[in-house]
Amino acid sequence: MSTALYRGITTVLSPVITWHLRRRLAQGKEDPVRFRERLGKSGRERPAGRLIWIHGASVGEMLSVLPLVERLLHQDTGLHILLTSGTVTSARIMSDRLPARAIHQYVPVDIPSCVAGFLDHWRPDLALWVESELWPNLIHQTRARGVPMALINARMSESSFQRWRRLPLLIRPLLQAFEFCIAQSAPDGGRLATLGAQFVSFHGNLKAASPPLAADPRDLHVLKMAIGQRPVWLAASTHPGEEAMVAGVHRRLASRFPGLLTILVPRHAVRGDEIAGALQAQGLNVARRALDQPIGGGTDIYLGDSMGEMGLYYRLAPIVFIGGSLVEHGGQNPLEAARLNSALLFGPHMFNFTEQATAMIRAGGAAQVADGDALADQVALLLADRDEAARRAAAAELAADDGQDVISAVLAQLAPLLPGQTPGIKSEQESNCAGA
């Protein structure tokens, strides 16, 4: 598929795409108050002066760039930053976290007319794309308007790489629309270069600079009081297939550790009904966060089927299993748990965070488990030996570097593109970027 063909297809199918978007709205998956933003119709005025636009898919991407946003705003007091994402959860979290002169909007659906409306209104001076969400119409229309673009903290998993390799006429022009790509790991950089990206560099992962996730202090106090001195562990961001393993761990360890509480937080909160039903069918007593059900003395599983509260759950348990790693999903970000004093466990499939997982293991802050039985053994070891759990937690926190050097390196590479700077982009890239 070529870029022109993609543009033609999305133009012809725009009524169908819009219908699908409205169907998502009816299902509660879109924001009813700000739905027009998804159609390229802004919910607020563009501020005067210089504007940098940063786009990321969802919560993880938005949180990873917050330290960069703060540094950019600090060094240019006349600058505004527009952040776009596509999920309701990310919009809600950003409303509480954005600094002054930073604005959040929903990204427009990738229909040419919606994209044009968005760009006509916001007229960015620079566009930064985060990680891996590449919308062809949005990228090419931005480039056609002469807006410089860079792909930062770029990620290209092996599975995505194999899919894109089958679409060379689409992916190569997309990647070459960027002035340069800053990969979040050396393997990501290599895959991006193979697909056609130019001037690929690697400085580290911006997620290493993200501040600890926030938590409501009142909610934290209530839950800590409810848990008391009970032994507790957390299975975070689980995916289908992992909840059954977590339940198996709980059943196996409950008699050995009286009062054991397992906190289970699925990656997608909408699966709450399904997971609760499956756990209850196994005879487990489940309390659900989404239903405001309290943790009682007989609660076996506290199901964290809420959105945007991982900072709360991580603060409740000294032992954390990172989900998406016992199934072939690629794992979730281990740095968030490491920064909140947790000993880490994860399965063999951490290919989305290979370097971070390896660093955690080498530092002695994490252990890799092969299956549910091995997970049970490790949870038991850490529940029985609090000193070992504390030692691992301290090692994991130390390995979760604050990442300020990464931000400085990214800012240095972005400097020639920043509004008000002297151009000279080509020479800067050639002197500062190592080809992957």
Protein backbone atom coordinates (compact mmCIF):
# COMPACT_ATOMS: atom_id res chain seq x y z
CA MET A 1 0.00 0.00 0.00
CA SER A 2 1.31 3.45 -0.90
CA THR A 3 0.74 6.75 0.87
CA ALA A 4 -1.52 7.97 -1.94
CA LEU A 5 -3.59 4.80 -1.81
CA TYR A 6 -3.95 5.09 1.97
CA ARG A 7 -5.10 8.70 1.61
CA GLY A 8 -7.64 7.70 -1.02
CA ILE A 9 -8.99 4.80 1.02
CA THR A 10 -9.41 6.89 4.18
CA THR A 11 -11.14 9.61 2.16
CA VAL A 12 -13.61 7.19 0.58
CA LEU A 13 -14.19 5.37 3.86
CA SER A 14 -14.49 8.51 5.99
CA PRO A 15 -18.25 7.98 6.61
CA VAL A 16 -17.55 4.44 7.82
CA ILE A 17 -14.64 5.57 10.01
CA THR A 18 -16.77 8.36 11.50
CA TRP A 19 -19.59 5.87 12.14
CA HIS A 20 -17.15 3.58 13.95
CA LEU A 21 -15.97 6.51 16.06
CA ARG A 22 -19.56 7.39 17.01
CA ARG A 23 -20.17 3.75 17.87
CA ARG A 24 -17.21 3.91 20.24
CA LEU A 25 -18.78 7.03 21.73
CA ALA A 26 -22.02 5.13 22.38
CA GLN A 27 -19.99 2.36 24.04
CA GLY A 28 -18.35 4.83 26.42
CA LYS A 29 -14.92 4.56 24.78
CA GLU A 30 -14.82 8.20 23.64
CA ASP A 31 -15.23 11.44 25.58
CA PRO A 32 -18.81 12.74 25.08
CA VAL A 33 -17.88 16.28 26.16
CA ARG A 34 -14.88 16.62 23.86
CA PHE A 35 -15.86 14.29 21.03
CA ARG A 36 -15.59 17.05 18.41
CA GLU A 37 -11.83 17.12 18.97
CA ARG A 38 -11.63 13.64 17.44
CA LEU A 39 -13.15 15.15 14.29
CA GLY A 40 -10.50 17.86 14.13
CA LYS A 41 -12.62 20.59 15.73
CA SER A 42 -10.74 22.18 18.57
CA GLY A 43 -12.20 22.68 22.01
CA ARG A 44 -10.18 25.83 22.72
CA GLU A 45 -8.31 28.70 21.12
CA ARG A 46 -4.73 28.46 19.95
CA PRO A 47 -2.49 30.57 22.21
CA ALA A 48 -0.47 33.29 20.53
CA GLY A 49 3.21 32.76 19.86
CA ARG A 50 5.37 29.66 19.59
CA LEU A 51 3.67 26.25 19.83
CA ILE A 52 5.21 22.79 19.95
CA TRP A 53 2.87 19.86 19.34
CA ILE A 54 3.68 16.51 20.98
CA HIS A 55 1.66 13.39 20.14
CA GLY A 56 1.59 10.05 21.95
CA ALA A 57 -0.95 7.24 21.88
CA SER A 58 -2.01 7.00 25.52
CA VAL A 59 -1.07 7.29 29.21
CA GLY A 60 2.41 5.79 29.06
CA GLU A 61 3.58 8.04 26.26
CA MET A 62 2.07 11.15 27.83
CA LEU A 63 3.67 10.50 31.21
CA SER A 64 7.04 9.74 29.63
CA VAL A 65 7.27 13.17 28.00
CA LEU A 66 6.13 15.26 30.99
CA PRO A 67 9.69 15.88 32.24
CA LEU A 68 10.68 16.95 28.71
CA VAL A 69 7.64 19.25 28.52
CA GLU A 70 8.60 20.89 31.80
CA ARG A 71 12.19 21.47 30.65
CA LEU A 72 11.05 22.95 27.33
CA LEU A 73 8.63 25.34 29.04
CA HIS A 74 11.24 26.34 31.62
CA GLN A 75 13.84 27.28 29.02
CA ASP A 76 11.38 29.28 26.86
CA THR A 77 8.84 31.32 28.82
CA GLY A 78 7.06 32.38 25.63
CA LEU A 79 6.41 28.80 24.52
CA HIS A 80 3.15 26.80 24.65
CA ILE A 81 2.93 23.04 24.22
CA LEU A 82 0.00 21.09 22.79
CA LEU A 83 -0.17 17.41 23.74
CA THR A 84 -2.48 15.02 21.91
CA SER A 85 -3.47 11.45 22.68
CA GLY A 86 -6.36 9.19 21.80
CA THR A 87 -7.70 7.75 25.06
CA VAL A 88 -10.10 9.03 27.69
CA THR A 89 -7.81 7.85 30.50
CA SER A 90 -4.84 9.81 29.19
CA ALA A 91 -6.95 12.96 28.89
CA ARG A 92 -8.16 12.63 32.47
CA ILE A 93 -4.67 12.05 33.86
CA MET A 94 -3.21 14.91 31.84
CA SER A 95 -5.83 17.29 33.22
CA ASP A 96 -4.27 16.81 36.66
CA ARG A 97 -0.62 16.69 35.63
CA LEU A 98 -0.03 19.31 32.93
CA PRO A 99 1.99 22.41 33.86
CA ALA A 100 0.94 25.93 32.92
CA ARG A 101 1.18 26.71 29.19
CA ALA A 102 0.57 23.05 28.29
CA ILE A 103 -2.71 22.01 26.66
CA HIS A 104 -4.23 18.60 26.01
CA GLN A 105 -6.45 17.78 23.03
CA TYR A 106 -7.63 14.49 21.53
CA VAL A 107 -5.80 13.53 18.36
CA PRO A 108 -8.04 13.79 15.28
CA VAL A 109 -9.06 10.58 13.56
CA ASP A 110 -6.83 9.98 10.52
CA ILE A 111 -9.27 11.23 7.89
CA PRO A 112 -7.78 13.92 5.61
CA SER A 113 -10.51 16.49 6.29
CA CYS A 114 -10.31 16.01 10.09
CA VAL A 115 -6.53 16.27 10.01
CA ALA A 116 -6.73 19.46 7.93
CA GLY A 117 -9.14 21.05 10.43
CA PHE A 118 -6.81 20.21 13.31
CA LEU A 119 -3.72 21.63 11.58
CA ASP A 120 -5.56 24.73 10.32
CA HIS A 121 -6.46 25.59 13.89
CA TRP A 122 -3.28 24.76 15.82
CA ARG A 123 -0.56 25.68 13.25
CA PRO A 124 2.32 24.10 15.22
CA ASP A 125 5.89 25.32 14.83
CA LEU A 126 7.32 21.88 15.61
CA ALA A 127 5.78 18.40 15.92
CA LEU A 128 7.22 15.64 18.10
CA TRP A 129 5.84 12.11 17.82
CA VAL A 130 6.38 9.76 20.75
CA GLU A 131 7.11 6.03 20.51
CA SER A 132 5.27 4.16 17.77
CA GLU A 133 1.82 5.48 16.79
CA LEU A 134 2.22 6.61 13.16
CA TRP A 135 -0.84 8.07 11.39
CA PRO A 136 -0.03 8.56 7.68
CA ASN A 137 -2.44 11.41 6.88
CA LEU A 138 -1.50 13.32 10.01
CA ILE A 139 2.22 12.91 9.37
CA HIS A 140 2.17 13.77 5.69
CA GLN A 141 -0.16 16.76 6.01
CA THR A 142 2.02 18.13 8.81
CA ARG A 143 5.12 17.70 6.70
CA ALA A 144 3.42 19.26 3.65
CA ARG A 145 2.82 22.43 5.67
CA GLY A 146 6.54 22.77 6.31
CA VAL A 147 6.35 21.84 10.00
CA PRO A 148 9.59 20.14 11.11
CA MET A 149 8.99 16.80 12.83
CA ALA A 150 11.02 14.38 14.95
CA LEU A 151 10.19 10.94 16.30
CA ILE A 152 11.34 10.70 19.92
CA ASN A 153 11.60 7.77 22.33
CA ALA A 154 10.79 5.76 19.21
CA ARG A 155 9.80 2.15 19.65
CA MET A 156 9.53 -0.55 16.99
CA SER A 157 8.84 -3.99 18.42
CA GLU A 158 9.84 -7.09 16.48
CA SER A 159 6.19 -7.92 15.72
CA SER A 160 5.48 -4.38 14.47
CA PHE A 161 8.70 -4.49 12.45
CA GLN A 162 7.59 -7.66 10.67
CA ARG A 163 4.18 -6.14 9.88
CA TRP A 164 5.66 -2.89 8.54
CA ARG A 165 8.16 -4.77 6.37
CA ARG A 166 5.21 -5.92 4.29
CA LEU A 167 4.24 -2.27 3.64
CA PRO A 168 7.48 -0.62 2.46
CA LEU A 169 5.71 1.94 0.26
CA LEU A 170 3.83 3.20 3.31
CA ILE A 171 6.36 3.00 6.15
CA ARG A 172 9.46 4.37 4.36
CA PRO A 173 7.87 7.75 3.42
CA LEU A 174 6.39 7.98 6.93
CA LEU A 175 9.74 7.55 8.66
CA GLN A 176 11.56 9.78 6.17
CA ALA A 177 9.12 12.61 6.93
CA PHE A 178 10.94 13.02 10.26
CA GLU A 179 14.08 15.14 10.48
CA PHE A 180 15.50 12.43 12.73
CA CYS A 181 14.43 9.56 14.97
CA ILE A 182 15.61 9.14 18.57
CA ALA A 183 15.11 5.48 19.49
CA GLN A 184 14.44 4.33 23.03
CA SER A 185 16.81 1.36 22.62
CA ALA A 186 19.51 0.21 20.24
CA PRO A 187 17.40 -2.70 18.83
CA ASP A 188 14.50 -0.30 18.21
CA GLY A 189 16.88 2.01 16.38
CA GLY A 190 18.16 -0.80 14.19
CA ARG A 191 14.67 -1.84 13.18
CA LEU A 192 13.68 1.76 12.43
CA ALA A 193 16.75 2.26 10.26
CA THR A 194 16.03 -0.95 8.35
CA LEU A 195 12.50 0.32 7.62
CA GLY A 196 13.85 3.57 6.18
CA ALA A 197 14.35 6.01 9.06
CA GLN A 198 17.20 8.47 8.57
CA PHE A 199 19.55 9.93 11.18
CA VAL A 200 18.64 7.44 13.90
CA SER A 201 20.20 7.98 17.33
CA PHE A 202 19.84 6.46 20.80
CA HIS A 203 20.27 8.28 24.13
CA GLY A 204 18.21 6.07 26.46
CA ASN A 205 14.54 5.75 27.36
CA LEU A 206 12.62 8.89 28.39
CA LYS A 207 10.55 6.73 30.74
CA ALA A 208 13.66 6.57 32.93
CA ALA A 209 13.06 10.25 33.70
CA SER A 210 9.38 9.99 34.56
CA PRO A 211 8.49 10.99 38.13
CA PRO A 212 6.84 8.43 40.44
CA LEU A 213 3.18 7.85 39.66
CA ALA A 214 0.81 9.86 41.82
CA ALA A 215 -1.76 8.54 44.30
CA ASP A 216 -4.61 10.12 46.22
CA PRO A 217 -3.39 10.23 49.86
CA ARG A 218 -6.88 9.71 51.28
CA ASP A 219 -7.51 6.61 49.18
CA LEU A 220 -4.07 5.29 50.05
CA HIS A 221 -4.73 5.73 53.78
CA VAL A 222 -8.11 3.99 53.60
CA LEU A 223 -6.71 0.98 51.72
CA LYS A 224 -3.63 0.67 53.95
CA MET A 225 -5.86 0.68 57.03
CA ALA A 226 -8.07 -2.00 55.45
CA ILE A 227 -5.08 -4.20 54.63
CA GLY A 228 -3.39 -3.75 57.99
CA GLN A 229 -0.63 -6.32 58.62
CA ARG A 230 -1.85 -8.86 56.10
CA PRO A 231 0.74 -10.33 53.72
CA VAL A 232 0.12 -8.76 50.30
CA TRP A 233 1.45 -8.87 46.76
CA LEU A 234 0.40 -7.24 43.50
CA ALA A 235 -0.07 -8.56 39.97
CA ALA A 236 0.03 -5.39 37.87
CA SER A 237 -1.23 -4.77 34.33
CA THR A 238 -2.18 -8.37 33.67
CA HIS A 239 -3.36 -9.67 30.30
CA PRO A 240 -5.72 -12.53 29.37
CA GLY A 241 -4.24 -15.83 30.49
CA GLU A 242 -2.30 -14.31 33.38
CA GLU A 243 -5.22 -13.82 35.76
CA ALA A 244 -5.68 -17.61 35.98
CA MET A 245 -2.00 -17.98 36.92
CA VAL A 246 -2.33 -15.26 39.56
CA ALA A 247 -5.37 -17.03 41.02
CA GLY A 248 -3.36 -20.25 41.09
CA VAL A 249 -0.57 -18.52 43.01
CA HIS A 250 -3.05 -17.22 45.57
CA ARG A 251 -4.68 -20.63 46.11
CA ARG A 252 -1.30 -22.31 46.46
CA LEU A 253 0.04 -19.81 49.01
CA ALA A 254 -3.10 -18.94 51.02
CA SER A 255 -2.69 -21.74 53.57
CA ARG A 256 1.02 -21.06 54.01
CA PHE A 257 0.47 -17.31 54.53
CA PRO A 258 -2.76 -16.81 56.52
CA GLY A 259 -4.69 -13.71 55.53
CA LEU A 260 -2.88 -13.43 52.18
CA LEU A 261 -4.27 -10.65 49.99
CA THR A 262 -3.61 -10.62 46.28
CA ILE A 263 -4.14 -7.32 44.47
CA LEU A 264 -4.85 -7.92 40.79
CA VAL A 265 -4.89 -4.96 38.39
CA PRO A 266 -5.72 -5.83 34.77
CA ARG A 267 -4.12 -3.80 32.00
CA HIS A 268 -7.61 -3.02 30.68
CA ALA A 269 -10.11 -2.11 33.38
CA VAL A 270 -13.07 -2.89 31.11
CA ARG A 271 -12.33 -6.58 31.67
CA GLY A 272 -13.37 -6.23 35.31
CA ASP A 273 -16.67 -8.11 35.00
CA GLU A 274 -15.06 -10.97 33.09
CA ILE A 275 -12.16 -11.36 35.52
CA ALA A 276 -14.31 -11.08 38.64
CA GLY A 277 -16.66 -13.75 37.32
CA ALA A 278 -13.81 -16.14 36.57
CA LEU A 279 -12.24 -15.65 40.00
CA GLN A 280 -15.51 -16.07 41.84
CA ALA A 281 -16.21 -19.26 39.89
CA GLN A 282 -13.04 -20.64 41.49
CA GLY A 283 -14.42 -19.92 44.94
CA LEU A 284 -12.32 -16.81 45.57
CA ASN A 285 -13.73 -13.86 47.48
CA VAL A 286 -13.31 -10.78 45.27
CA ALA A 287 -13.67 -7.09 46.15
CA ARG A 288 -13.79 -4.70 43.20
CA ARG A 289 -12.36 -1.18 43.16
CA ALA A 290 -14.70 -0.15 40.34
CA LEU A 291 -17.71 -0.96 42.53
CA ASP A 292 -16.26 0.69 45.65
CA GLN A 293 -16.29 -2.65 47.45
CA PRO A 294 -14.11 -2.50 50.58
CA ILE A 295 -11.37 -4.95 51.46
CA GLY A 296 -12.78 -7.19 54.17
CA GLY A 297 -11.18 -9.81 56.38
CA GLY A 298 -12.31 -12.54 54.00
CA THR A 299 -11.23 -10.84 50.78
CA ASP A 300 -8.87 -13.03 48.77
CA ILE A 301 -8.47 -10.84 45.67
CA TYR A 302 -8.74 -7.07 45.50
CA LEU A 303 -9.51 -6.38 41.84
CA GLY A 304 -8.15 -2.98 40.81
CA ASP A 305 -10.47 -2.51 37.83
CA SER A 306 -10.08 1.27 37.83
CA MET A 307 -8.20 3.57 35.49
CA GLY A 308 -5.22 5.78 36.24
CA GLU A 309 -4.53 4.48 39.75
CA MET A 310 -1.38 2.39 39.31
CA GLY A 311 0.48 4.77 41.63
CA LEU A 312 -2.02 3.82 44.35
CA TYR A 313 -1.70 0.06 43.83
CA TYR A 314 2.11 0.09 43.66
CA ARG A 315 2.22 1.81 47.06
CA LEU A 316 0.19 -0.98 48.67
CA ALA A 317 2.42 -3.97 47.95
CA PRO A 318 6.15 -4.60 48.48
CA ILE A 319 6.14 -7.39 45.87
CA VAL A 320 5.00 -6.70 42.29
CA PHE A 321 4.59 -9.00 39.32
CA ILE A 322 4.75 -7.08 36.03
CA GLY A 323 2.00 -8.32 33.72
CA GLY A 324 2.10 -8.95 30.00
CA SER A 325 5.25 -11.00 30.57
CA LEU A 326 3.94 -14.53 31.18
CA VAL A 327 2.09 -14.25 27.86
CA GLU A 328 3.69 -13.06 24.64
CA HIS A 329 2.64 -9.44 24.96
CA GLY A 330 6.08 -8.02 25.72
CA GLY A 331 5.61 -6.84 29.29
CA GLN A 332 4.73 -3.48 30.83
CA ASN A 333 6.98 -0.73 32.15
CA PRO A 334 8.91 -2.02 35.23
CA LEU A 335 10.33 1.41 36.10
CA GLU A 336 7.06 2.68 37.57
CA ALA A 337 6.95 -0.08 40.19
CA ALA A 338 10.70 0.14 40.85
CA ARG A 339 10.40 3.82 41.79
CA LEU A 340 7.79 2.98 44.42
CA ASN A 341 9.82 0.57 46.55
CA SER A 342 8.80 -2.76 45.04
CA ALA A 343 10.69 -6.01 44.55
CA LEU A 344 9.94 -7.01 40.96
CA LEU A 345 8.98 -10.27 39.28
CA PHE A 346 8.23 -10.80 35.62
CA GLY A 347 7.94 -13.55 33.06
CA PRO A 348 10.20 -14.35 30.08
CA HIS A 349 8.37 -12.06 27.61
CA MET A 350 9.69 -8.58 28.45
CA PHE A 351 10.77 -7.71 24.91
CA ASN A 352 9.04 -4.30 25.05
CA PHE A 353 11.37 -3.35 27.91
CA THR A 354 14.41 -5.56 27.33
CA GLU A 355 17.05 -3.12 28.54
CA GLN A 356 15.13 -2.06 31.66
CA ALA A 357 14.33 -5.67 32.60
CA THR A 358 17.95 -6.72 32.09
CA ALA A 359 19.19 -3.81 34.22
CA MET A 360 16.77 -4.73 37.02
CA ILE A 361 17.91 -8.36 37.03
CA ARG A 362 21.60 -7.43 36.97
CA ALA A 363 21.10 -5.02 39.86
CA GLY A 364 19.39 -7.73 41.89
CA GLY A 365 16.10 -5.85 42.00
CA ALA A 366 14.08 -8.30 39.90
CA ALA A 367 13.75 -11.99 39.17
CA GLN A 368 12.46 -13.62 36.02
CA VAL A 369 10.01 -16.51 36.34
CA ALA A 370 9.14 -19.05 33.69
CA ASP A 371 5.53 -19.85 34.61
CA GLY A 372 2.86 -19.70 37.28
CA ASP A 373 4.59 -22.26 39.50
CA ALA A 374 7.86 -20.33 39.44
CA LEU A 375 5.93 -17.14 40.18
CA ALA A 376 4.38 -18.79 43.24
CA ASP A 377 7.83 -19.88 44.45
CA GLN A 378 9.24 -16.36 44.16
CA VAL A 379 6.24 -14.70 45.80
CA ALA A 380 6.51 -17.19 48.67
CA LEU A 381 10.24 -16.52 49.08
CA LEU A 382 9.68 -12.75 49.30
CA LEU A 383 6.67 -12.99 51.60
CA ALA A 384 8.67 -15.19 53.96
CA ASP A 385 11.81 -13.03 53.89
CA ARG A 386 10.96 -9.35 54.27
CA ASP A 387 14.62 -8.38 54.43
CA GLU A 388 15.23 -9.94 51.03
CA ALA A 389 12.15 -8.18 49.62
CA ALA A 390 13.42 -4.86 50.95
CA ARG A 391 16.91 -5.50 49.55
CA ARG A 392 15.50 -6.23 46.11
CA ALA A 393 13.22 -3.20 46.24
CA ALA A 394 16.17 -0.93 47.05
CA ALA A 395 18.20 -2.44 44.21
CA ALA A 396 15.31 -1.99 41.76
CA GLU A 397 14.90 1.66 42.77
CA LEU A 398 18.61 2.27 42.27
CA ALA A 399 18.48 0.67 38.81
CA ALA A 400 15.55 2.93 37.83
CA ASP A 401 17.88 5.82 37.05
CA ASP A 402 16.35 9.29 37.14
CA GLY A 403 17.14 9.72 33.44
CA GLN A 404 18.00 13.42 33.52
CA ASP A 405 20.95 12.74 31.23
CA VAL A 406 18.51 11.29 28.69
CA ILE A 407 16.40 14.47 28.72
CA SER A 408 19.47 16.65 28.30
CA ALA A 409 20.66 14.59 25.33
CA VAL A 410 17.22 14.69 23.69
CA LEU A 411 16.97 18.45 24.23
CA ALA A 412 20.42 18.95 22.70
CA GLN A 413 19.41 17.08 19.59
CA LEU A 414 16.10 18.92 19.35
CA ALA A 415 17.71 22.34 19.78
CA PRO A 416 18.08 23.16 16.04
CA LEU A 417 14.36 22.42 15.51
CA LEU A 418 12.99 24.46 18.40
CA PRO A 419 10.93 27.54 17.46
CA GLY A 420 13.11 30.63 17.26
CA GLN A 421 16.34 28.64 16.81
CA THR A 422 18.71 28.97 13.87
CA PRO A 423 17.95 26.21 11.32
CA GLY A 424 21.10 24.29 10.33
CA ILE A 425 19.25 21.01 10.84
CA LYS A 426 21.22 18.90 8.41
CA SER A 427 24.65 19.62 9.79
CA GLU A 428 23.47 19.14 13.38
CA GLN A 429 22.05 15.72 12.51
CA GLU A 430 25.15 14.62 10.70
CA SER A 431 27.41 15.66 13.56
CA ASN A 432 25.24 14.49 16.48
CA CYS A 433 23.34 11.41 15.21
CA ALA A 434 24.90 8.02 14.85
CA GLY A 435 23.23 5.88 12.22
CA ALA A 436 21.71 2.77 13.70
